[in-house]
């Protein structure tokens, strides 16, 4: 099973960031919380800082772990570990995505999210974190 980290970025209007995978990319056309595969000897936090810079050109501060989702894709299972992330700097530029939106958390499930992201989105819709929430928010595991 591959471990993958996902960024839950929420702006000051309590909107969450999602991005759509570009044509030619794995899972093209699917919306996701940005992030990527955790490399050998890398922490999820280091992974998110690296992936967000590589894929979106932004620097980020990784905060607290908030959720996990396990999903069996045809080519193998992943464990998606979601963390609250604050955008610290940089202008968003797309490389493996072709679009992004800051969406109202209540609208997340109206997007064609990738299967591993859906349980996390459902939990966010039920118990949305706020942009100013501290690192003491409660964690949850998605079935």
Protein backbone atom coordinates (compact mmCIF):
# COMPACT_ATOMS: atom_id res chain seq x y z
CA UNK A 1 0.00 0.00 0.00
CA UNK A 2 1.31 3.45 -0.94
CA UNK A 3 1.08 6.32 1.51
CA UNK A 4 -0.03 9.57 -0.08
CA UNK A 5 -0.35 12.97 1.62
CA UNK A 6 -3.12 15.44 0.81
CA UNK A 7 -3.35 19.14 1.64
CA UNK A 8 -6.55 20.59 3.05
CA UNK A 9 -6.06 24.30 2.38
CA UNK A 10 -8.81 26.59 3.63
CA UNK A 11 -8.78 30.31 2.88
CA UNK A 12 -10.08 33.19 4.98
CA UNK A 13 -13.54 32.77 3.41
CA UNK A 14 -13.68 29.15 4.62
CA UNK A 15 -13.31 27.80 1.09
CA UNK A 16 -11.21 24.71 0.43
CA UNK A 17 -8.73 24.31 -2.43
CA UNK A 18 -9.18 21.50 -4.96
CA UNK A 19 -7.42 20.92 -8.27
CA UNK A 20 -8.31 18.92 -11.40
CA UNK A 21 -5.81 16.44 -12.85
CA UNK A 22 -4.74 17.49 -16.35
CA UNK A 23 -5.23 15.41 -19.51
CA UNK A 24 -2.41 12.87 -19.87
CA UNK A 25 -1.90 12.67 -16.10
CA UNK A 26 -2.86 9.72 -13.92
CA UNK A 27 -6.55 10.11 -12.96
CA UNK A 28 -7.01 12.86 -15.58
CA UNK A 29 -10.17 14.93 -15.10
CA UNK A 30 -10.59 14.00 -11.44
CA UNK A 31 -10.63 16.65 -8.74
CA UNK A 32 -8.43 16.18 -5.70
CA UNK A 33 -6.92 17.70 -2.63
CA UNK A 34 -3.37 18.38 -3.87
CA UNK A 35 -0.44 16.36 -2.60
CA UNK A 36 1.41 13.24 -3.59
CA UNK A 37 3.25 10.06 -2.78
CA UNK A 38 5.33 10.03 0.36
CA UNK A 39 8.90 9.12 -0.60
CA UNK A 40 11.22 6.80 1.34
CA UNK A 41 12.34 8.39 4.64
CA UNK A 42 10.09 11.41 4.02
CA UNK A 43 7.46 12.53 6.53
CA UNK A 44 3.95 13.39 5.30
CA UNK A 45 4.67 17.01 6.19
CA UNK A 46 7.88 17.05 4.13
CA UNK A 47 6.02 15.38 1.27
CA UNK A 48 3.32 18.04 1.25
CA UNK A 49 5.84 20.89 1.29
CA UNK A 50 7.73 19.28 -1.62
CA UNK A 51 4.66 18.33 -3.67
CA UNK A 52 2.91 21.68 -3.24
CA UNK A 53 6.04 23.47 -4.42
CA UNK A 54 6.62 21.08 -7.35
CA UNK A 55 3.01 20.89 -8.53
CA UNK A 56 1.65 24.34 -7.62
CA UNK A 57 4.68 26.57 -7.07
CA UNK A 58 3.63 27.48 -3.54
CA UNK A 59 5.22 27.28 -0.14
CA UNK A 60 3.09 25.96 2.66
CA UNK A 61 3.03 25.41 6.38
CA UNK A 62 1.73 21.96 7.23
CA UNK A 63 -0.36 21.95 10.37
CA UNK A 64 -2.29 19.12 11.97
CA UNK A 65 -3.26 15.71 10.64
CA UNK A 66 -7.01 15.59 10.19
CA UNK A 67 -8.06 12.46 8.31
CA UNK A 68 -7.13 9.32 6.44
CA UNK A 69 -8.80 7.32 3.72
CA UNK A 70 -7.84 3.92 2.32
CA UNK A 71 -8.86 3.15 -1.23
CA UNK A 72 -8.11 0.19 -3.52
CA UNK A 73 -7.40 1.46 -7.03
CA UNK A 74 -7.00 -1.11 -9.86
CA UNK A 75 -3.20 -0.75 -9.67
CA UNK A 76 -3.02 -0.96 -5.87
CA UNK A 77 -4.21 0.49 -2.61
CA UNK A 78 -3.34 3.88 -1.22
CA UNK A 79 -3.64 5.36 2.23
CA UNK A 80 -4.45 9.04 1.82
CA UNK A 81 -3.33 11.11 4.82
CA UNK A 82 -4.93 14.56 4.93
CA UNK A 83 -3.34 17.50 6.75
CA UNK A 84 -4.44 21.08 7.30
CA UNK A 85 -2.12 23.33 5.34
CA UNK A 86 -1.70 27.09 5.21
CA UNK A 87 -0.55 28.77 2.01
CA UNK A 88 2.52 30.81 2.98
CA UNK A 89 3.84 32.16 -0.31
CA UNK A 90 4.04 31.95 -4.06
CA UNK A 91 1.57 32.33 -6.87
CA UNK A 92 -0.35 29.21 -7.84
CA UNK A 93 0.87 27.78 -11.15
CA UNK A 94 -0.45 24.54 -12.51
CA UNK A 95 1.75 21.71 -13.80
CA UNK A 96 -0.04 18.35 -13.35
CA UNK A 97 -3.44 20.04 -12.97
CA UNK A 98 -5.38 22.05 -15.51
CA UNK A 99 -7.77 23.89 -13.17
CA UNK A 100 -8.29 24.72 -9.54
CA UNK A 101 -11.09 26.16 -7.44
CA UNK A 102 -11.59 27.47 -3.94
CA UNK A 103 -14.96 25.90 -3.15
CA UNK A 104 -17.44 26.15 -0.34
CA UNK A 105 -16.89 23.04 1.76
CA UNK A 106 -20.61 22.22 1.45
CA UNK A 107 -20.15 22.00 -2.34
CA UNK A 108 -17.19 19.58 -2.34
CA UNK A 109 -19.28 16.53 -3.17
CA UNK A 110 -20.70 18.18 -6.29
CA UNK A 111 -17.25 17.84 -7.92
CA UNK A 112 -15.99 14.65 -9.55
CA UNK A 113 -13.52 13.93 -6.77
CA UNK A 114 -11.06 11.06 -7.00
CA UNK A 115 -12.34 8.03 -5.06
CA UNK A 116 -9.75 8.23 -2.26
CA UNK A 117 -10.63 11.90 -1.67
CA UNK A 118 -14.39 11.36 -1.34
CA UNK A 119 -14.44 9.98 2.24
CA UNK A 120 -12.30 12.89 3.41
CA UNK A 121 -14.58 15.36 1.61
CA UNK A 122 -17.62 13.75 3.27
CA UNK A 123 -16.05 14.20 6.69
CA UNK A 124 -15.16 17.82 5.92
CA UNK A 125 -18.74 18.50 4.85
CA UNK A 126 -20.07 16.98 8.10
CA UNK A 127 -17.58 18.77 10.37
CA UNK A 128 -15.97 21.62 8.46
CA UNK A 129 -12.81 23.09 9.94
CA UNK A 130 -12.55 26.87 9.83
CA UNK A 131 -9.70 28.84 8.30
CA UNK A 132 -8.68 30.14 11.73
CA UNK A 133 -8.92 26.79 13.51
CA UNK A 134 -5.95 25.89 15.67
CA UNK A 135 -3.84 22.74 15.50
CA UNK A 136 -6.00 21.24 18.26
CA UNK A 137 -8.83 20.18 15.92
CA UNK A 138 -10.06 16.63 16.30
CA UNK A 139 -8.78 13.91 13.98
CA UNK A 140 -10.91 11.39 12.18
CA UNK A 141 -10.42 8.24 10.14
CA UNK A 142 -12.59 7.63 7.11
CA UNK A 143 -13.93 4.11 6.64
